[in-house]
């Protein structure tokens, strides 16, 4: 196999191996096996252009992308980002619930005030029926 194909394969291997965190060593064996198959695949190609063209349309390209995606998704940084996203979503959800609850409680209190309750009921009816009003074309 020529130097250019070997360099191309090595650069792909270095990229994926450099991304592996400690604790993810379980995939190293799969990666090594994959690159052995990729080297066999490259031997059947006459030059780098032939290799890249055939590689791009082969299952090996999809497998490489899947492995790289798996490695990147399982880095410590990615895990920390997912945890942070979950925390952020939980806080947003709690804030949303608290705002809705406070708004409902304020509405319930206001509804019991003489005169205000009737106004609120009229506003609800107005809002409900205004949904059916045709909008003018601009």
Protein backbone atom coordinates (compact mmCIF):
# COMPACT_ATOMS: atom_id res chain seq x y z
CA UNK A 1 0.00 0.00 0.00
CA UNK A 2 1.37 3.42 -0.90
CA UNK A 3 2.34 6.13 1.58
CA UNK A 4 -0.54 8.48 0.75
CA UNK A 5 -3.23 5.88 1.45
CA UNK A 6 -1.43 4.86 4.65
CA UNK A 7 -1.20 8.51 5.76
CA UNK A 8 -4.89 9.02 5.01
CA UNK A 9 -5.89 5.98 7.05
CA UNK A 10 -3.51 6.95 9.88
CA UNK A 11 -4.96 10.46 10.07
CA UNK A 12 -8.46 9.03 10.43
CA UNK A 13 -7.24 6.64 13.10
CA UNK A 14 -5.39 9.37 15.02
CA UNK A 15 -8.45 11.60 14.94
CA UNK A 16 -10.71 9.00 16.48
CA UNK A 17 -8.14 7.66 18.95
CA UNK A 18 -7.29 11.15 20.22
CA UNK A 19 -10.97 11.69 21.04
CA UNK A 20 -11.30 8.65 23.31
CA UNK A 21 -11.58 9.49 27.02
CA UNK A 22 -10.46 7.22 29.79
CA UNK A 23 -13.30 4.89 30.60
CA UNK A 24 -14.10 4.42 26.91
CA UNK A 25 -11.34 1.94 26.24
CA UNK A 26 -13.97 -0.71 25.46
CA UNK A 27 -14.30 0.63 21.93
CA UNK A 28 -10.54 0.58 21.19
CA UNK A 29 -10.69 -3.07 20.11
CA UNK A 30 -13.53 -2.33 17.70
CA UNK A 31 -11.60 0.61 16.30
CA UNK A 32 -8.45 -1.47 15.79
CA UNK A 33 -10.48 -4.18 14.03
CA UNK A 34 -12.16 -1.55 11.86
CA UNK A 35 -8.84 -0.07 10.73
CA UNK A 36 -7.50 -3.52 9.86
CA UNK A 37 -10.51 -3.95 7.56
CA UNK A 38 -9.96 -0.44 6.17
CA UNK A 39 -6.33 -1.27 5.35
CA UNK A 40 -7.47 -4.42 3.50
CA UNK A 41 -10.02 -2.30 1.65
CA UNK A 42 -7.29 0.21 0.69
CA UNK A 43 -5.05 -2.54 -0.72
CA UNK A 44 -7.65 -3.23 -3.40
CA UNK A 45 -7.63 0.42 -4.55
CA UNK A 46 -5.15 1.54 -7.19
CA UNK A 47 -4.49 5.04 -5.78
CA UNK A 48 -5.72 7.60 -3.24
CA UNK A 49 -8.43 8.94 -5.55
CA UNK A 50 -9.78 5.45 -6.12
CA UNK A 51 -9.61 4.78 -2.38
CA UNK A 52 -11.41 7.97 -1.38
CA UNK A 53 -14.09 7.51 -4.04
CA UNK A 54 -14.81 3.92 -3.07
CA UNK A 55 -14.55 4.69 0.65
CA UNK A 56 -17.08 7.52 0.43
CA UNK A 57 -19.75 5.17 -0.95
CA UNK A 58 -18.87 2.13 1.16
CA UNK A 59 -20.33 0.87 4.42
CA UNK A 60 -16.92 1.53 5.97
CA UNK A 61 -17.52 5.28 5.72
CA UNK A 62 -20.83 5.01 7.56
CA UNK A 63 -19.26 2.74 10.15
CA UNK A 64 -16.45 5.26 10.70
CA UNK A 65 -18.94 8.09 11.12
CA UNK A 66 -20.97 6.00 13.58
CA UNK A 67 -17.88 5.11 15.62
CA UNK A 68 -16.65 8.70 15.64
CA UNK A 69 -20.09 9.90 16.71
CA UNK A 70 -20.20 7.31 19.49
CA UNK A 71 -16.75 8.33 20.75
CA UNK A 72 -17.56 12.05 20.66
CA UNK A 73 -20.92 11.54 22.39
CA UNK A 74 -19.27 9.61 25.19
CA UNK A 75 -16.49 12.02 26.08
CA UNK A 76 -16.53 13.50 29.56
CA UNK A 77 -17.16 16.96 28.11
CA UNK A 78 -20.20 15.72 26.16
CA UNK A 79 -21.55 13.96 29.24
CA UNK A 80 -21.11 17.11 31.32
CA UNK A 81 -22.85 19.17 28.64
CA UNK A 82 -25.79 16.75 28.59
CA UNK A 83 -26.07 16.90 32.39
CA UNK A 84 -25.92 20.70 32.26
CA UNK A 85 -28.63 20.73 29.56
CA UNK A 86 -30.82 18.48 31.70
CA UNK A 87 -30.32 20.76 34.71
CA UNK A 88 -31.17 23.79 32.61
CA UNK A 89 -34.31 22.10 31.23
CA UNK A 90 -35.39 21.07 34.74
CA UNK A 91 -34.95 24.62 36.06
CA UNK A 92 -36.87 26.05 33.08
CA UNK A 93 -39.65 23.56 33.64
CA UNK A 94 -39.88 24.37 37.34
CA UNK A 95 -39.87 28.11 36.63
CA UNK A 96 -42.59 27.70 34.02
CA UNK A 97 -44.73 25.65 36.42
CA UNK A 98 -44.20 28.15 39.25
CA UNK A 99 -45.19 31.09 37.01
CA UNK A 100 -48.32 29.31 35.82
CA UNK A 101 -49.25 28.34 39.38
CA UNK A 102 -48.74 31.89 40.68
CA UNK A 103 -50.75 33.32 37.80
CA UNK A 104 -53.59 30.87 38.44
CA UNK A 105 -53.63 31.64 42.17
CA UNK A 106 -53.71 35.38 41.48
CA UNK A 107 -56.54 34.84 39.02
CA UNK A 108 -58.47 32.73 41.56
CA UNK A 109 -58.10 35.43 44.23
CA UNK A 110 -59.12 38.19 41.80
CA UNK A 111 -62.17 36.23 40.66
CA UNK A 112 -63.51 36.24 44.23
CA UNK A 113 -63.41 40.07 44.45
CA UNK A 114 -66.88 41.51 43.73
CA UNK A 115 -66.97 43.17 40.32
CA UNK A 116 -63.52 41.91 39.29
CA UNK A 117 -64.79 38.36 38.86
CA UNK A 118 -67.45 39.54 36.43
CA UNK A 119 -64.91 41.53 34.43
CA UNK A 120 -62.58 38.53 34.24
CA UNK A 121 -65.45 36.29 33.11
CA UNK A 122 -66.42 38.82 30.43
CA UNK A 123 -62.78 39.00 29.27
CA UNK A 124 -62.67 35.20 29.02
CA UNK A 125 -65.82 35.20 26.91
CA UNK A 126 -64.44 37.98 24.71
CA UNK A 127 -61.12 36.14 24.24
CA UNK A 128 -62.93 32.90 23.43
CA UNK A 129 -65.26 34.40 20.83
CA UNK A 130 -62.58 36.61 19.29
CA UNK A 131 -60.86 33.42 18.11
CA UNK A 132 -63.68 32.92 15.62
CA UNK A 133 -63.58 36.45 14.25
CA UNK A 134 -62.31 36.62 10.68
CA UNK A 135 -59.08 38.51 10.29
CA UNK A 136 -58.95 41.26 7.69
CA UNK A 137 -56.54 40.73 4.83
CA UNK A 138 -53.83 43.38 4.77
